[in-house]
Amino acid sequence: MIATLGKETSADQIYDQLKVMLSDVVPDFELRMKSEIAAKINQVKAEKNAVILGHNYMEPALFYSI
């Protein structure tokens, strides 16, 4: 099973986890940008009590954070 992030909600928390997991393959500036996007997606997901149907072909930063 692939490890994903827990219930981190802030972009900073998501960034910290993504940096540990993906810093070897994704540039830092991109991790920061994607963590902000992931935080917004997770906020809407929680507000609407939604589930995100993702696929492992998604780019890594979003695959592991939403």
Protein backbone atom coordinates (compact mmCIF):
# COMPACT_ATOMS: atom_id res chain seq x y z
CA MET A 1 0.00 0.00 0.00
CA ILE A 2 1.23 3.49 -0.83
CA ALA A 3 1.52 5.88 2.09
CA THR A 4 -0.45 9.10 1.72
CA LEU A 5 -0.69 12.13 3.93
CA GLY A 6 -2.91 12.15 6.97
CA LYS A 7 -5.38 14.90 7.76
CA GLU A 8 -2.95 17.79 7.41
CA THR A 9 -4.97 20.83 6.47
CA SER A 10 -2.58 23.74 6.09
CA ALA A 11 -0.41 24.24 3.05
CA ASP A 12 2.63 24.36 5.36
CA GLN A 13 1.84 20.97 6.88
CA ILE A 14 1.29 19.44 3.47
CA TYR A 15 4.50 21.03 2.17
CA ASP A 16 6.52 19.59 5.07
CA GLN A 17 5.27 16.08 4.35
CA LEU A 18 5.69 16.38 0.58
CA LYS A 19 9.24 17.64 1.04
CA VAL A 20 10.12 14.49 2.99
CA MET A 21 8.47 12.22 0.43
CA LEU A 22 9.30 13.91 -2.87
CA SER A 23 12.24 16.33 -2.50
CA ASP A 24 14.46 14.03 -4.58
CA VAL A 25 12.15 14.16 -7.60
CA VAL A 26 10.12 17.39 -7.40
CA PRO A 27 11.68 20.89 -7.16
CA ASP A 28 11.04 22.84 -3.96
CA PHE A 29 9.15 25.69 -5.68
CA GLU A 30 6.77 23.16 -7.21
CA LEU A 31 6.18 21.43 -3.86
CA ARG A 32 5.23 24.79 -2.34
CA MET A 33 2.84 25.59 -5.17
CA LYS A 34 1.26 22.12 -5.14
CA SER A 35 0.87 22.15 -1.36
CA GLU A 36 -1.25 25.30 -1.63
CA ILE A 37 -3.39 23.69 -4.33
CA ALA A 38 -3.75 20.51 -2.27
CA ALA A 39 -4.78 22.49 0.82
CA LYS A 40 -7.56 24.18 -1.17
CA ILE A 41 -8.71 20.87 -2.65
CA ASN A 42 -8.74 19.26 0.80
CA GLN A 43 -10.71 22.20 2.22
CA VAL A 44 -13.42 21.86 -0.45
CA LYS A 45 -13.36 18.08 -0.03
CA ALA A 46 -14.06 18.48 3.70
CA GLU A 47 -16.74 21.15 3.19
CA LYS A 48 -18.65 19.02 0.71
CA ASN A 49 -17.95 15.70 2.45
CA ALA A 50 -16.54 14.51 -0.87
CA VAL A 51 -14.21 11.75 -1.98
CA ILE A 52 -11.51 12.36 -4.57
CA LEU A 53 -11.20 9.62 -7.13
CA GLY A 54 -7.56 9.73 -8.15
CA HIS A 55 -5.31 7.56 -10.21
CA ASN A 56 -1.66 6.69 -9.80
CA TYR A 57 -0.96 8.46 -13.11
CA MET A 58 -1.57 11.76 -11.33
CA GLU A 59 1.52 13.83 -10.72
CA PRO A 60 3.17 12.82 -7.41
CA ALA A 61 2.61 15.93 -5.28
CA LEU A 62 -1.15 15.85 -5.74
CA PHE A 63 -1.42 12.07 -5.75
CA TYR A 64 0.06 11.93 -2.25
CA SER A 65 -1.73 14.95 -0.80
CA ILE A 66 -5.41 14.89 -1.76
